[in-house]
Amino acid sequence: MLKSGIIATVTFVSAFALGGCGSGDAARESVTQIIRSGSRPIQSEAKSDDYVIRQRDSIKIEVFGYPEFNTETVIKELGTVTIPNIGELTAAGLTKDQFHQLLETKLAEYIQGEVKFSLVVISAVPQKITVLGEVTRQENYPLTNEVTLLEALSMAGGVTVDSDLRSIKILRGGLNSQPIVVDLTYFVEKGNLESIPIVRPGDTIYVPRNSNVIRDLSVFMRDVIFIFGFFTLFGA
């Protein structure tokens, strides 16, 4: 889902598309403006209902009016968690929303009337994305949930004037995987920001320079070695 900083640009993009501007340079400039207008850090937190609970994640449950069910504990290696007066429940592999529904069903067996409670999930292993190439800040960024490609680029401070926005690559599953190639100018020309591919925790994003392909590849590999080497060295 698009964040507020990106949503604010939809009107601009729609007007741009309806104007029939087919120029690649104009589309590229529009994308650059969109990314820069939304440039800001995105907090890494497990608040999304789509967050998948994992082993060793911490959870905190507070049932309003029934403190005997309250607990703050860690998901066990078997993927279960012990809830006072309820027992063992499987949590790992469920989204936060699914576990919330399961917990609500179990609590309803003991509590009459409306069940009100809060559920907080804290990820045990903060995940990251890596943004390389023609961006303001090449870096590893903490990320727990899926975001749009535009949001990911905003985390890196936006793209540079030399970026090739027609050939952005998303590597998923390691450097040997087949990259997802994204042409951001296409989505701008169509006025369809909602269909821009998403970025997931663990992905690597590479924004190439608008120049020789072989040179870009060498720059990419240099950046990969530097970024991954740096964070391996310092244990980030």
Protein backbone atom coordinates (compact mmCIF):
# COMPACT_ATOMS: atom_id res chain seq x y z
CA MET A 1 0.00 0.00 0.00
CA LEU A 2 1.28 3.47 -0.84
CA LYS A 3 2.26 5.69 2.07
CA SER A 4 0.98 9.24 2.51
CA GLY A 5 4.05 10.84 0.94
CA ILE A 6 3.56 8.81 -2.26
CA ILE A 7 -0.24 9.09 -2.34
CA ALA A 8 0.09 12.85 -2.40
CA THR A 9 1.64 12.60 -5.86
CA VAL A 10 -1.08 10.49 -7.52
CA THR A 11 -2.99 13.54 -8.76
CA PHE A 12 0.17 14.92 -10.32
CA VAL A 13 0.98 11.63 -12.03
CA SER A 14 -2.56 11.16 -13.36
CA ALA A 15 -2.55 14.64 -14.88
CA PHE A 16 0.85 13.93 -16.38
CA ALA A 17 -0.37 10.69 -17.97
CA LEU A 18 -3.61 12.18 -19.30
CA GLY A 19 -1.59 14.93 -20.91
CA GLY A 20 -0.25 12.32 -23.29
CA CYS A 21 3.40 13.01 -22.64
CA GLY A 22 5.32 10.12 -24.17
CA SER A 23 8.78 11.49 -23.73
CA GLY A 24 11.11 9.12 -21.90
CA ASP A 25 13.05 12.03 -20.41
CA ALA A 26 9.86 13.69 -19.18
CA ALA A 27 8.63 10.44 -17.64
CA ARG A 28 11.98 9.91 -16.00
CA GLU A 29 11.92 13.42 -14.53
CA SER A 30 8.41 12.82 -13.19
CA VAL A 31 9.46 9.61 -11.47
CA THR A 32 12.44 11.39 -9.97
CA GLN A 33 10.17 14.10 -8.57
CA ILE A 34 7.83 11.50 -7.10
CA ILE A 35 10.65 9.64 -5.36
CA ARG A 36 12.24 12.80 -4.03
CA SER A 37 8.91 14.16 -2.80
CA GLY A 38 8.48 11.05 -0.69
CA SER A 39 12.04 10.78 0.55
CA ARG A 40 11.98 9.93 4.23
CA PRO A 41 12.92 7.00 6.46
CA ILE A 42 10.36 4.24 6.88
CA GLN A 43 10.20 2.79 10.36
CA SER A 44 10.92 -0.90 10.72
CA GLU A 45 8.28 -2.29 13.03
CA ALA A 46 6.08 -5.37 13.25
CA LYS A 47 2.81 -3.45 13.41
CA SER A 48 1.41 -4.54 10.07
CA ASP A 49 -1.37 -7.12 10.18
CA ASP A 50 0.48 -8.92 7.35
CA TYR A 51 3.63 -9.45 9.42
CA VAL A 52 4.42 -13.18 9.64
CA ILE A 53 5.28 -14.23 13.18
CA ARG A 54 8.53 -16.19 13.51
CA GLN A 55 10.29 -18.29 16.08
CA ARG A 56 11.98 -16.21 18.79
CA ASP A 57 9.75 -13.20 18.12
CA SER A 58 8.50 -11.53 21.28
CA ILE A 59 4.80 -10.97 21.89
CA LYS A 60 2.92 -9.01 24.49
CA ILE A 61 -0.77 -9.63 25.17
CA GLU A 62 -2.93 -7.46 27.39
CA VAL A 63 -6.60 -8.41 27.85
CA PHE A 64 -8.61 -5.47 29.11
CA GLY A 65 -10.35 -6.28 32.37
CA TYR A 66 -8.84 -9.76 32.58
CA PRO A 67 -5.19 -9.46 33.65
CA GLU A 68 -5.02 -13.20 34.32
CA PHE A 69 -4.55 -13.71 30.57
CA ASN A 70 -1.82 -11.10 30.19
CA THR A 71 1.61 -12.26 29.13
CA GLU A 72 4.88 -11.08 27.63
CA THR A 73 6.86 -13.96 26.23
CA VAL A 74 8.90 -15.35 23.33
CA ILE A 75 7.78 -17.68 20.54
CA LYS A 76 9.35 -21.06 21.21
CA GLU A 77 11.49 -23.06 18.78
CA LEU A 78 8.47 -25.26 18.05
CA GLY A 79 6.55 -22.16 16.99
CA THR A 80 4.19 -22.13 19.97
CA VAL A 81 3.51 -19.70 22.76
CA THR A 82 2.01 -20.28 26.19
CA ILE A 83 -0.98 -18.10 27.12
CA PRO A 84 -1.92 -18.10 30.82
CA ASN A 85 -5.12 -20.06 31.51
CA ILE A 86 -5.40 -21.03 27.83
CA GLY A 87 -2.30 -23.08 27.15
CA GLU A 88 -0.16 -23.61 24.08
CA LEU A 89 -1.09 -21.87 20.81
CA THR A 90 0.74 -22.08 17.49
CA ALA A 91 1.93 -18.63 16.46
CA ALA A 92 4.91 -19.03 14.11
CA GLY A 93 3.85 -19.04 10.46
CA LEU A 94 0.69 -17.04 11.13
CA THR A 95 0.32 -13.39 10.25
CA LYS A 96 -0.27 -11.03 13.13
CA ASP A 97 -3.89 -10.70 12.03
CA GLN A 98 -4.39 -14.48 11.90
CA PHE A 99 -2.92 -14.94 15.36
CA HIS A 100 -5.08 -12.06 16.63
CA GLN A 101 -8.18 -13.86 15.34
CA LEU A 102 -7.06 -17.18 16.86
CA LEU A 103 -6.42 -15.55 20.20
CA GLU A 104 -9.77 -13.78 20.10
CA THR A 105 -11.54 -17.10 19.48
CA LYS A 106 -9.74 -18.76 22.39
CA LEU A 107 -10.41 -15.88 24.78
CA ALA A 108 -14.12 -15.94 23.85
CA GLU A 109 -14.31 -19.42 25.40
CA TYR A 110 -13.52 -17.85 28.78
CA ILE A 111 -14.84 -14.31 28.52
CA GLN A 112 -18.50 -13.40 28.07
CA GLY A 113 -19.36 -10.44 25.90
CA GLU A 114 -16.94 -8.46 23.75
CA VAL A 115 -13.30 -9.47 24.00
CA LYS A 116 -10.91 -6.54 24.00
CA PHE A 117 -7.16 -7.02 24.00
CA SER A 118 -3.96 -5.65 22.53
CA LEU A 119 -1.30 -7.68 20.71
CA VAL A 120 2.24 -6.40 20.21
CA VAL A 121 4.77 -8.36 18.13
CA ILE A 122 8.47 -7.53 18.14
CA SER A 123 10.61 -9.19 15.50
CA ALA A 124 13.57 -11.16 16.86
CA VAL A 125 15.65 -10.71 13.71
CA PRO A 126 15.16 -7.32 12.03
CA GLN A 127 15.33 -7.86 8.27
CA LYS A 128 16.84 -5.55 5.73
CA ILE A 129 16.84 -4.53 2.11
CA THR A 130 19.92 -3.36 0.24
CA VAL A 131 19.70 -0.39 -2.14
CA LEU A 132 22.63 0.06 -4.55
CA GLY A 133 23.55 2.05 -7.62
CA GLU A 134 22.38 5.53 -8.56
CA VAL A 135 20.71 6.52 -5.29
CA THR A 136 21.62 9.17 -2.75
CA ARG A 137 22.56 6.73 0.00
CA GLN A 138 23.69 3.19 -0.89
CA GLU A 139 22.96 1.26 2.25
CA ASN A 140 21.26 -1.63 4.02
CA TYR A 141 17.91 -0.49 5.42
CA PRO A 142 15.86 -2.24 8.11
CA LEU A 143 12.53 -3.50 6.81
CA THR A 144 9.98 -5.81 8.40
CA ASN A 145 7.09 -5.59 5.96
CA GLU A 146 6.57 -5.21 2.23
CA VAL A 147 6.78 -1.71 0.74
CA THR A 148 6.53 -0.35 -2.78
CA LEU A 149 9.62 0.17 -4.90
CA LEU A 150 9.07 3.94 -4.69
CA GLU A 151 9.07 3.75 -0.90
CA ALA A 152 12.25 1.70 -0.92
CA LEU A 153 13.97 4.28 -3.13
CA SER A 154 12.74 7.01 -0.81
CA MET A 155 14.46 5.25 2.08
CA ALA A 156 17.70 5.67 0.12
CA GLY A 157 17.09 9.40 -0.29
CA GLY A 158 15.87 9.13 -3.88
CA VAL A 159 17.72 8.54 -7.14
CA THR A 160 20.51 10.52 -8.79
CA VAL A 161 20.25 12.51 -12.01
CA ASP A 162 22.25 9.80 -13.80
CA SER A 163 19.89 6.94 -12.90
CA ASP A 164 18.29 4.70 -15.49
CA LEU A 165 14.74 4.30 -14.19
CA ARG A 166 13.76 2.00 -17.07
CA SER A 167 15.96 -0.86 -15.87
CA ILE A 168 15.79 -0.99 -12.09
CA LYS A 169 16.55 -4.50 -10.85
CA ILE A 170 15.11 -6.25 -7.79
CA LEU A 171 17.12 -9.31 -6.76
CA ARG A 172 15.16 -11.76 -4.65
CA GLY A 173 16.66 -14.96 -3.30
CA GLY A 174 20.33 -14.06 -3.65
CA LEU A 175 22.70 -12.63 -6.25
CA ASN A 176 22.38 -15.73 -8.45
CA SER A 177 18.61 -15.36 -8.84
CA GLN A 178 16.89 -13.97 -11.92
CA PRO A 179 16.32 -10.26 -11.29
CA ILE A 180 12.95 -8.57 -11.58
CA VAL A 181 13.44 -5.71 -14.04
CA VAL A 182 11.20 -2.71 -13.45
CA ASP A 183 10.56 0.23 -15.78
CA LEU A 184 9.25 2.95 -13.46
CA THR A 185 8.64 5.36 -16.33
CA TYR A 186 6.11 2.88 -17.76
CA PHE A 187 3.93 3.10 -14.65
CA VAL A 188 4.14 6.89 -14.67
CA GLU A 189 3.13 7.13 -18.32
CA LYS A 190 0.16 4.84 -17.57
CA GLY A 191 -0.70 6.79 -14.41
CA ASN A 192 -0.77 3.53 -12.46
CA LEU A 193 1.31 3.76 -9.29
CA GLU A 194 -0.72 1.03 -7.61
CA SER A 195 0.83 -1.62 -9.88
CA ILE A 196 4.46 -0.79 -9.16
CA PRO A 197 6.18 -3.97 -7.88
CA ILE A 198 6.68 -4.39 -4.17
CA VAL A 199 9.94 -4.89 -2.29
CA ARG A 200 10.23 -7.56 0.38
CA PRO A 201 12.61 -7.95 3.33
CA GLY A 202 15.84 -9.52 2.06
CA ASP A 203 15.60 -8.01 -1.44
CA THR A 204 18.44 -6.14 -3.15
CA ILE A 205 17.55 -3.15 -5.35
CA TYR A 206 19.96 -1.92 -7.99
CA VAL A 207 19.42 1.36 -9.86
CA PRO A 208 21.78 1.37 -12.87
CA ARG A 209 23.50 4.35 -14.41
CA ASN A 210 22.08 5.54 -17.69
CA SER A 211 25.18 4.48 -19.65
CA ASN A 212 27.18 1.46 -20.81
CA VAL A 213 25.73 -1.86 -19.57
CA ILE A 214 29.13 -3.49 -18.99
CA ARG A 215 30.28 -0.54 -16.94
CA ASP A 216 27.08 -0.70 -14.89
CA LEU A 217 27.67 -4.36 -14.15
CA SER A 218 31.18 -3.69 -12.89
CA VAL A 219 29.93 -0.83 -10.73
CA PHE A 220 27.16 -3.06 -9.40
CA MET A 221 29.53 -5.83 -8.40
CA ARG A 222 31.85 -3.32 -6.76
CA ASP A 223 28.95 -1.94 -4.77
CA VAL A 224 27.75 -5.41 -3.79
CA ILE A 225 31.19 -6.32 -2.47
CA PHE A 226 31.52 -3.04 -0.60
CA ILE A 227 28.06 -2.97 0.97
CA PHE A 228 27.88 -6.63 1.97
CA GLY A 229 31.52 -6.66 3.04
CA PHE A 230 31.05 -3.62 5.23
CA PHE A 231 28.03 -4.97 7.05
CA THR A 232 29.59 -8.40 7.44
CA LEU A 233 32.69 -6.82 8.92
CA PHE A 234 30.82 -4.74 11.45
CA GLY A 235 28.08 -7.29 12.11
CA ALA A 236 25.23 -4.97 11.22
